[in-house]
Amino acid sequence: MDDEAIYLAHYLVDKLNKIPPTSRLLVGISGIPGSGKSTFAHLLTSHTNTLLSKTPSRALLVGLDGWHLSRAQLDELPDPKQAHDRRGAHWTFDGVGYVSFVRALRGDVRSNTPVITAPSFDHALKDPTYDDVAVYPYHRIVIIEGLYTFLSLVPWRDAGMLFDERWVIEVGEEEARRRIVKRHVVSGVARDREEAVRRAEENDIPNGRFLIANMLEPTRIIQSVDDKSLALPDL
């Protein structure tokens, strides 16, 4: 998908040059689990910054995972066990906080504009780190990647409508399932293939189906190119 990322990096830089210097270009990238959206978003950000290297502007990638509710917050929900089991469903995120962040990005950008912060998520810590990502005035392109980046439901919809671009990475469910299972096994999220398959079937796949049924219309659909490195390993 590198060629597509290079092409779209040029597209973003060209679009940036056509908007007022006090505005940001906001790009949302979504897709079902296993679609490769994180990999594509990193490639896109890298290529965009290469093109911007001789300008004062930069692109910044922000992950939606930072708005995961903490484990302590999940414990406070009506059914804590279900909340932990379904972590990754849209209701286990701080949607209101996410919308507030995107709204802040829409403010005028000047040299004295205050820095805007966002949380990050460390899978080793299993919890968000608050105010860990800094958006400076020179970050004229902000790319936000995640499952529910432009969900059509309240409050998420309010953020999605503020994006200049809403891109979805499209992949078949069966291919996504193979990638998810490998990722769970290799990363240690699951002890073995059996547990990885269970996690995929009980959480990741339902979340992906929910997304497809409840997202705002994308402005661009990007096909996820088959990557052998993401294929299911022989276990």
C-alpha atoms as a PDB file:
ATOM      1  CA  MET A   1       0.000   0.000   0.000  1.00  0.00           C
ATOM      2  CA  ASP A   2       3.060   2.212  -0.102  1.00  0.00           C
ATOM      3  CA  ASP A   3       2.318   3.499  -3.612  1.00  0.00           C
ATOM      4  CA  GLU A   4      -1.173   4.526  -2.542  1.00  0.00           C
ATOM      5  CA  ALA A   5       0.247   6.275   0.522  1.00  0.00           C
ATOM      6  CA  ILE A   6       2.715   8.218  -1.641  1.00  0.00           C
ATOM      7  CA  TYR A   7      -0.030   9.263  -4.056  1.00  0.00           C
ATOM      8  CA  LEU A   8      -2.323  10.419  -1.247  1.00  0.00           C
ATOM      9  CA  ALA A   9       0.510  12.250   0.521  1.00  0.00           C
ATOM     10  CA  HIS A  10       0.887  14.381  -2.612  1.00  0.00           C
ATOM     11  CA  TYR A  11      -2.884  14.851  -2.652  1.00  0.00           C
ATOM     12  CA  LEU A  12      -2.897  16.125   0.952  1.00  0.00           C
ATOM     13  CA  VAL A  13      -0.003  18.521   0.466  1.00  0.00           C
ATOM     14  CA  ASP A  14      -1.662  19.938  -2.645  1.00  0.00           C
ATOM     15  CA  LYS A  15      -4.927  20.355  -0.736  1.00  0.00           C
ATOM     16  CA  LEU A  16      -3.116  22.005   2.180  1.00  0.00           C
ATOM     17  CA  ASN A  17      -1.708  24.611  -0.180  1.00  0.00           C
ATOM     18  CA  LYS A  18      -5.252  25.577  -1.186  1.00  0.00           C
ATOM     19  CA  ILE A  19      -6.688  26.275   2.269  1.00  0.00           C
ATOM     20  CA  PRO A  20      -6.181  29.393   4.430  1.00  0.00           C
ATOM     21  CA  PRO A  21      -2.901  29.462   6.404  1.00  0.00           C
ATOM     22  CA  THR A  22      -4.919  29.671   9.629  1.00  0.00           C
ATOM     23  CA  SER A  23      -6.671  26.352   9.017  1.00  0.00           C
ATOM     24  CA  ARG A  24      -5.777  22.720   9.510  1.00  0.00           C
ATOM     25  CA  LEU A  25      -6.459  19.826   7.184  1.00  0.00           C
ATOM     26  CA  LEU A  26      -8.118  17.015   9.135  1.00  0.00           C
ATOM     27  CA  VAL A  27      -8.044  13.449   7.836  1.00  0.00           C
ATOM     28  CA  GLY A  28      -9.853  10.517   9.431  1.00  0.00           C
ATOM     29  CA  ILE A  29      -8.789   6.979   8.565  1.00  0.00           C
ATOM     30  CA  SER A  30     -11.011   4.073   9.568  1.00  0.00           C
ATOM     31  CA  GLY A  31     -11.562   0.427   8.719  1.00  0.00           C
ATOM     32  CA  ILE A  32     -12.512  -2.824  10.377  1.00  0.00           C
ATOM     33  CA  PRO A  33      -9.999  -4.574  12.649  1.00  0.00           C
ATOM     34  CA  GLY A  34      -7.319  -6.194  10.500  1.00  0.00           C
ATOM     35  CA  SER A  35      -7.800  -3.812   7.570  1.00  0.00           C
ATOM     36  CA  GLY A  36      -4.281  -2.393   7.885  1.00  0.00           C
ATOM     37  CA  LYS A  37      -5.413   1.137   8.714  1.00  0.00           C
ATOM     38  CA  SER A  38      -2.656   1.722  11.294  1.00  0.00           C
ATOM     39  CA  THR A  39       0.075   0.617   8.891  1.00  0.00           C
ATOM     40  CA  PHE A  40      -1.357   2.775   6.114  1.00  0.00           C
ATOM     41  CA  ALA A  41      -1.744   5.810   8.400  1.00  0.00           C
ATOM     42  CA  HIS A  42       1.914   5.605   9.448  1.00  0.00           C
ATOM     43  CA  LEU A  43       3.043   5.328   5.816  1.00  0.00           C
ATOM     44  CA  LEU A  44       0.857   8.263   4.820  1.00  0.00           C
ATOM     45  CA  THR A  45       2.156  10.452   7.648  1.00  0.00           C
ATOM     46  CA  SER A  46       5.780   9.619   6.858  1.00  0.00           C
ATOM     47  CA  HIS A  47       5.441  10.362   3.143  1.00  0.00           C
ATOM     48  CA  THR A  48       3.508  13.561   3.818  1.00  0.00           C
ATOM     49  CA  ASN A  49       6.209  14.852   6.152  1.00  0.00           C
ATOM     50  CA  THR A  50       8.862  14.053   3.569  1.00  0.00           C
ATOM     51  CA  LEU A  51       7.021  16.295   1.116  1.00  0.00           C
ATOM     52  CA  LEU A  52       6.648  19.005   3.769  1.00  0.00           C
ATOM     53  CA  SER A  53      10.266  18.835   4.926  1.00  0.00           C
ATOM     54  CA  LYS A  54      11.211  22.146   3.263  1.00  0.00           C
ATOM     55  CA  THR A  55       8.158  23.969   4.616  1.00  0.00           C
ATOM     56  CA  PRO A  56       7.230  25.100   8.151  1.00  0.00           C
ATOM     57  CA  SER A  57       4.250  22.733   8.234  1.00  0.00           C
ATOM     58  CA  ARG A  58       4.156  19.152   9.446  1.00  0.00           C
ATOM     59  CA  ALA A  59       1.674  16.277   9.568  1.00  0.00           C
ATOM     60  CA  LEU A  60       0.860  14.501  12.820  1.00  0.00           C
ATOM     61  CA  LEU A  61      -0.720  11.096  13.350  1.00  0.00           C
ATOM     62  CA  VAL A  62      -3.029  10.644  16.328  1.00  0.00           C
ATOM     63  CA  GLY A  63      -4.421   7.246  17.314  1.00  0.00           C
ATOM     64  CA  LEU A  64      -8.019   6.905  18.463  1.00  0.00           C
ATOM     65  CA  ASP A  65      -6.850   4.216  20.906  1.00  0.00           C
ATOM     66  CA  GLY A  66      -5.827   7.010  23.275  1.00  0.00           C
ATOM     67  CA  TRP A  67      -9.500   7.518  24.072  1.00  0.00           C
ATOM     68  CA  HIS A  68      -9.913   3.984  25.434  1.00  0.00           C
ATOM     69  CA  LEU A  69     -11.532   4.089  28.856  1.00  0.00           C
ATOM     70  CA  SER A  70      -9.004   3.050  31.480  1.00  0.00           C
ATOM     71  CA  ARG A  71      -9.388  -0.286  33.229  1.00  0.00           C
ATOM     72  CA  ALA A  72     -10.444   1.592  36.361  1.00  0.00           C
ATOM     73  CA  GLN A  73     -13.176   3.347  34.381  1.00  0.00           C
ATOM     74  CA  LEU A  74     -14.337   0.038  32.939  1.00  0.00           C
ATOM     75  CA  ASP A  75     -14.639  -1.254  36.505  1.00  0.00           C
ATOM     76  CA  GLU A  76     -17.162   1.524  37.180  1.00  0.00           C
ATOM     77  CA  LEU A  77     -19.505   0.540  34.337  1.00  0.00           C
ATOM     78  CA  PRO A  78     -22.736  -1.375  35.143  1.00  0.00           C
ATOM     79  CA  ASP A  79     -21.260  -4.717  33.978  1.00  0.00           C
ATOM     80  CA  PRO A  80     -17.472  -4.562  34.534  1.00  0.00           C
ATOM     81  CA  LYS A  81     -16.833  -8.093  33.251  1.00  0.00           C
ATOM     82  CA  GLN A  82     -18.633  -7.411  29.991  1.00  0.00           C
ATOM     83  CA  ALA A  83     -16.846  -4.060  29.684  1.00  0.00           C
ATOM     84  CA  HIS A  84     -13.421  -5.700  29.973  1.00  0.00           C
ATOM     85  CA  ASP A  85     -14.396  -8.574  27.662  1.00  0.00           C
ATOM     86  CA  ARG A  86     -15.704  -6.163  25.040  1.00  0.00           C
ATOM     87  CA  ARG A  87     -12.954  -3.571  25.370  1.00  0.00           C
ATOM     88  CA  GLY A  88     -12.657  -2.104  21.917  1.00  0.00           C
ATOM     89  CA  ALA A  89     -16.407  -1.713  21.383  1.00  0.00           C
ATOM     90  CA  HIS A  90     -17.427   1.909  20.818  1.00  0.00           C
ATOM     91  CA  TRP A  91     -18.996   2.237  24.259  1.00  0.00           C
ATOM     92  CA  THR A  92     -15.649   1.429  25.917  1.00  0.00           C
ATOM     93  CA  PHE A  93     -14.173   4.682  24.553  1.00  0.00           C
ATOM     94  CA  ASP A  94     -14.439   8.280  25.723  1.00  0.00           C
ATOM     95  CA  GLY A  95     -16.405   9.516  22.730  1.00  0.00           C
ATOM     96  CA  VAL A  96     -17.157  12.902  24.308  1.00  0.00           C
ATOM     97  CA  GLY A  97     -13.471  13.566  24.970  1.00  0.00           C
ATOM     98  CA  TYR A  98     -12.591  12.577  21.416  1.00  0.00           C
ATOM     99  CA  VAL A  99     -15.169  14.957  19.944  1.00  0.00           C
ATOM    100  CA  SER A 100     -13.836  17.777  22.125  1.00  0.00           C
ATOM    101  CA  PHE A 101     -10.313  17.171  20.775  1.00  0.00           C
ATOM    102  CA  VAL A 102     -11.411  17.269  17.125  1.00  0.00           C
ATOM    103  CA  ARG A 103     -13.383  20.463  17.743  1.00  0.00           C
ATOM    104  CA  ALA A 104     -10.292  22.082  19.231  1.00  0.00           C
ATOM    105  CA  LEU A 105      -8.349  21.235  16.068  1.00  0.00           C
ATOM    106  CA  ARG A 106     -10.838  23.288  14.084  1.00  0.00           C
ATOM    107  CA  GLY A 107      -9.830  26.523  15.815  1.00  0.00           C
ATOM    108  CA  ASP A 108      -7.713  29.128  14.006  1.00  0.00           C
ATOM    109  CA  VAL A 109      -4.035  28.238  13.793  1.00  0.00           C
ATOM    110  CA  ARG A 110      -1.600  31.034  14.547  1.00  0.00           C
ATOM    111  CA  SER A 111       1.944  31.137  15.927  1.00  0.00           C
ATOM    112  CA  ASN A 112       0.595  31.826  19.422  1.00  0.00           C
ATOM    113  CA  THR A 113      -2.182  29.226  19.293  1.00  0.00           C
ATOM    114  CA  PRO A 114      -2.033  27.071  22.454  1.00  0.00           C
ATOM    115  CA  VAL A 115      -0.779  23.511  22.112  1.00  0.00           C
ATOM    116  CA  ILE A 116      -3.597  20.953  21.998  1.00  0.00           C
ATOM    117  CA  THR A 117      -2.969  17.629  23.728  1.00  0.00           C
ATOM    118  CA  ALA A 118      -4.323  14.141  23.177  1.00  0.00           C
ATOM    119  CA  PRO A 119      -3.958  10.858  25.027  1.00  0.00           C
ATOM    120  CA  SER A 120      -1.946   7.921  23.722  1.00  0.00           C
ATOM    121  CA  PHE A 121      -2.399   4.219  24.413  1.00  0.00           C
ATOM    122  CA  ASP A 122       0.318   1.787  25.429  1.00  0.00           C
ATOM    123  CA  HIS A 123      -0.678  -1.834  24.894  1.00  0.00           C
ATOM    124  CA  ALA A 124       1.961  -2.872  27.425  1.00  0.00           C
ATOM    125  CA  LEU A 125       0.427  -0.611  30.083  1.00  0.00           C
ATOM    126  CA  LYS A 126      -3.085  -1.511  28.887  1.00  0.00           C
ATOM    127  CA  ASP A 127      -4.243   2.011  29.698  1.00  0.00           C
ATOM    128  CA  PRO A 128      -4.169   5.457  28.093  1.00  0.00           C
ATOM    129  CA  THR A 129      -1.512   8.040  28.935  1.00  0.00           C
ATOM    130  CA  TYR A 130      -3.218  11.408  29.152  1.00  0.00           C
ATOM    131  CA  ASP A 131      -1.865  14.551  27.439  1.00  0.00           C
ATOM    132  CA  ASP A 132       0.905  12.464  25.851  1.00  0.00           C
ATOM    133  CA  VAL A 133       0.502  13.753  22.273  1.00  0.00           C
ATOM    134  CA  ALA A 134       1.093  17.427  21.525  1.00  0.00           C
ATOM    135  CA  VAL A 135      -0.442  19.186  18.530  1.00  0.00           C
ATOM    136  CA  TYR A 136       1.561  22.337  17.798  1.00  0.00           C
ATOM    137  CA  PRO A 137       0.476  25.193  15.515  1.00  0.00           C
ATOM    138  CA  TYR A 138       2.822  23.911  12.810  1.00  0.00           C
ATOM    139  CA  HIS A 139       0.889  20.642  12.650  1.00  0.00           C
ATOM    140  CA  ARG A 140      -1.260  21.814   9.756  1.00  0.00           C
ATOM    141  CA  ILE A 141      -2.258  18.275   8.757  1.00  0.00           C
ATOM    142  CA  VAL A 142      -3.651  16.055  11.495  1.00  0.00           C
ATOM    143  CA  ILE A 143      -4.406  12.433  10.631  1.00  0.00           C
ATOM    144  CA  ILE A 144      -6.562  10.516  13.097  1.00  0.00           C
ATOM    145  CA  GLU A 145      -6.633   6.743  12.753  1.00  0.00           C
ATOM    146  CA  GLY A 146      -8.972   4.324  14.460  1.00  0.00           C
ATOM    147  CA  LEU A 147     -12.015   2.123  14.298  1.00  0.00           C
ATOM    148  CA  TYR A 148     -14.602   4.756  15.223  1.00  0.00           C
ATOM    149  CA  THR A 149     -12.941   7.857  13.790  1.00  0.00           C
ATOM    150  CA  PHE A 150     -16.093   8.891  11.940  1.00  0.00           C
ATOM    151  CA  LEU A 151     -18.840   6.800  13.467  1.00  0.00           C
ATOM    152  CA  SER A 152     -22.333   8.049  12.568  1.00  0.00           C
ATOM    153  CA  LEU A 153     -23.675   7.811  16.127  1.00  0.00           C
ATOM    154  CA  VAL A 154     -23.854  10.519  18.797  1.00  0.00           C
ATOM    155  CA  PRO A 155     -21.460  11.911  19.957  1.00  0.00           C
ATOM    156  CA  TRP A 156     -18.978  10.513  17.424  1.00  0.00           C
ATOM    157  CA  ARG A 157     -20.812  11.972  14.447  1.00  0.00           C
ATOM    158  CA  ASP A 158     -19.978  15.517  15.544  1.00  0.00           C
ATOM    159  CA  ALA A 159     -16.271  14.760  15.139  1.00  0.00           C
ATOM    160  CA  GLY A 160     -16.662  12.908  11.857  1.00  0.00           C
ATOM    161  CA  MET A 161     -18.493  15.828  10.247  1.00  0.00           C
ATOM    162  CA  LEU A 162     -15.508  18.101  10.981  1.00  0.00           C
ATOM    163  CA  PHE A 163     -13.067  16.089   8.860  1.00  0.00           C
ATOM    164  CA  ASP A 164     -11.964  17.338   5.457  1.00  0.00           C
ATOM    165  CA  GLU A 165     -11.316  13.750   4.425  1.00  0.00           C
ATOM    166  CA  ARG A 166     -12.901  10.514   5.683  1.00  0.00           C
ATOM    167  CA  TRP A 167     -11.013   7.514   4.307  1.00  0.00           C
ATOM    168  CA  VAL A 168     -11.881   3.902   4.925  1.00  0.00           C
ATOM    169  CA  ILE A 169      -9.496   0.991   4.333  1.00  0.00           C
ATOM    170  CA  GLU A 170     -11.543  -1.827   2.852  1.00  0.00           C
ATOM    171  CA  VAL A 171     -10.762  -5.528   3.272  1.00  0.00           C
ATOM    172  CA  GLY A 172     -12.775  -8.741   3.194  1.00  0.00           C
ATOM    173  CA  GLU A 173     -13.885 -10.133   6.541  1.00  0.00           C
ATOM    174  CA  GLU A 174     -12.125 -13.477   6.071  1.00  0.00           C
ATOM    175  CA  GLU A 175      -8.786 -11.847   5.295  1.00  0.00           C
ATOM    176  CA  ALA A 176      -9.253  -9.505   8.239  1.00  0.00           C
ATOM    177  CA  ARG A 177      -9.946 -12.493  10.503  1.00  0.00           C
ATOM    178  CA  ARG A 178      -6.695 -14.193   9.448  1.00  0.00           C
ATOM    179  CA  ARG A 179      -4.713 -11.024  10.133  1.00  0.00           C
ATOM    180  CA  ILE A 180      -6.354 -10.485  13.525  1.00  0.00           C
ATOM    181  CA  VAL A 181      -5.647 -14.026  14.687  1.00  0.00           C
ATOM    182  CA  LYS A 182      -1.985 -13.749  13.711  1.00  0.00           C
ATOM    183  CA  ARG A 183      -1.689 -10.371  15.412  1.00  0.00           C
ATOM    184  CA  HIS A 184      -3.182 -11.687  18.655  1.00  0.00           C
ATOM    185  CA  VAL A 185      -0.831 -14.677  18.697  1.00  0.00           C
ATOM    186  CA  VAL A 186       2.353 -12.819  17.704  1.00  0.00           C
ATOM    187  CA  SER A 187       1.716  -9.896  20.074  1.00  0.00           C
ATOM    188  CA  GLY A 188       0.925 -12.174  23.003  1.00  0.00           C
ATOM    189  CA  VAL A 189      -2.589 -10.802  23.435  1.00  0.00           C
ATOM    190  CA  ALA A 190      -3.753 -14.400  23.114  1.00  0.00           C
ATOM    191  CA  ARG A 191      -1.982 -17.411  24.612  1.00  0.00           C
ATOM    192  CA  ASP A 192      -2.540 -19.555  21.539  1.00  0.00           C
ATOM    193  CA  ARG A 193      -4.409 -19.766  18.251  1.00  0.00           C
ATOM    194  CA  GLU A 194      -7.574 -21.066  19.897  1.00  0.00           C
ATOM    195  CA  GLU A 195      -7.832 -18.073  22.207  1.00  0.00           C
ATOM    196  CA  ALA A 196      -6.953 -15.715  19.345  1.00  0.00           C
ATOM    197  CA  VAL A 197      -9.787 -17.105  17.236  1.00  0.00           C
ATOM    198  CA  ARG A 198     -12.207 -16.745  20.161  1.00  0.00           C
ATOM    199  CA  ARG A 199     -11.197 -13.119  20.733  1.00  0.00           C
ATOM    200  CA  ALA A 200     -11.589 -12.351  17.054  1.00  0.00           C
ATOM    201  CA  GLU A 201     -15.031 -13.955  16.832  1.00  0.00           C
ATOM    202  CA  GLU A 202     -16.389 -12.509  20.068  1.00  0.00           C
ATOM    203  CA  ASN A 203     -15.041  -8.964  19.835  1.00  0.00           C
ATOM    204  CA  ASP A 204     -13.050  -7.883  16.764  1.00  0.00           C
ATOM    205  CA  ILE A 205     -15.365  -9.208  14.061  1.00  0.00           C
ATOM    206  CA  PRO A 206     -18.561  -7.905  15.737  1.00  0.00           C
ATOM    207  CA  ASN A 207     -16.911  -4.501  16.187  1.00  0.00           C
ATOM    208  CA  GLY A 208     -16.035  -4.439  12.505  1.00  0.00           C
ATOM    209  CA  ARG A 209     -19.587  -5.326  11.460  1.00  0.00           C
ATOM    210  CA  PHE A 210     -20.913  -2.625  13.772  1.00  0.00           C
ATOM    211  CA  LEU A 211     -18.581  -0.092  12.181  1.00  0.00           C
ATOM    212  CA  ILE A 212     -19.656  -0.921   8.631  1.00  0.00           C
ATOM    213  CA  ALA A 213     -23.304  -0.487   9.617  1.00  0.00           C
ATOM    214  CA  ASN A 214     -22.751   2.770  11.504  1.00  0.00           C
ATOM    215  CA  MET A 215     -20.134   4.969   9.875  1.00  0.00           C
ATOM    216  CA  LEU A 216     -20.490   8.245   8.044  1.00  0.00           C
ATOM    217  CA  GLU A 217     -20.093   8.095   4.287  1.00  0.00           C
ATOM    218  CA  PRO A 218     -16.378   8.026   3.446  1.00  0.00           C
ATOM    219  CA  THR A 219     -14.917  10.490   0.979  1.00  0.00           C
ATOM    220  CA  ARG A 220     -12.514   7.821  -0.283  1.00  0.00           C
ATOM    221  CA  ILE A 221     -12.336   4.019  -0.169  1.00  0.00           C
ATOM    222  CA  ILE A 222      -8.865   2.488  -0.213  1.00  0.00           C
ATOM    223  CA  GLN A 223      -8.435  -1.188  -0.949  1.00  0.00           C
ATOM    224  CA  SER A 224      -6.200  -3.017   1.507  1.00  0.00           C
ATOM    225  CA  VAL A 225      -3.565  -4.795  -0.555  1.00  0.00           C
ATOM    226  CA  ASP A 226      -2.813  -8.349   0.557  1.00  0.00           C
ATOM    227  CA  ASP A 227       0.334  -8.407   2.670  1.00  0.00           C
ATOM    228  CA  LYS A 228       1.969 -11.790   3.203  1.00  0.00           C
ATOM    229  CA  SER A 229       3.448 -10.533   6.475  1.00  0.00           C
ATOM    230  CA  LEU A 230      -0.098 -10.302   7.831  1.00  0.00           C
ATOM    231  CA  ALA A 231      -1.150 -13.794   6.776  1.00  0.00           C
ATOM    232  CA  LEU A 232      -2.108 -16.413   9.352  1.00  0.00           C
ATOM    233  CA  PRO A 233       0.999 -18.302  10.489  1.00  0.00           C
ATOM    234  CA  ASP A 234       1.266 -22.056  10.629  1.00  0.00           C
ATOM    235  CA  LEU A 235       0.521 -22.892  14.255  1.00  0.00           C
END
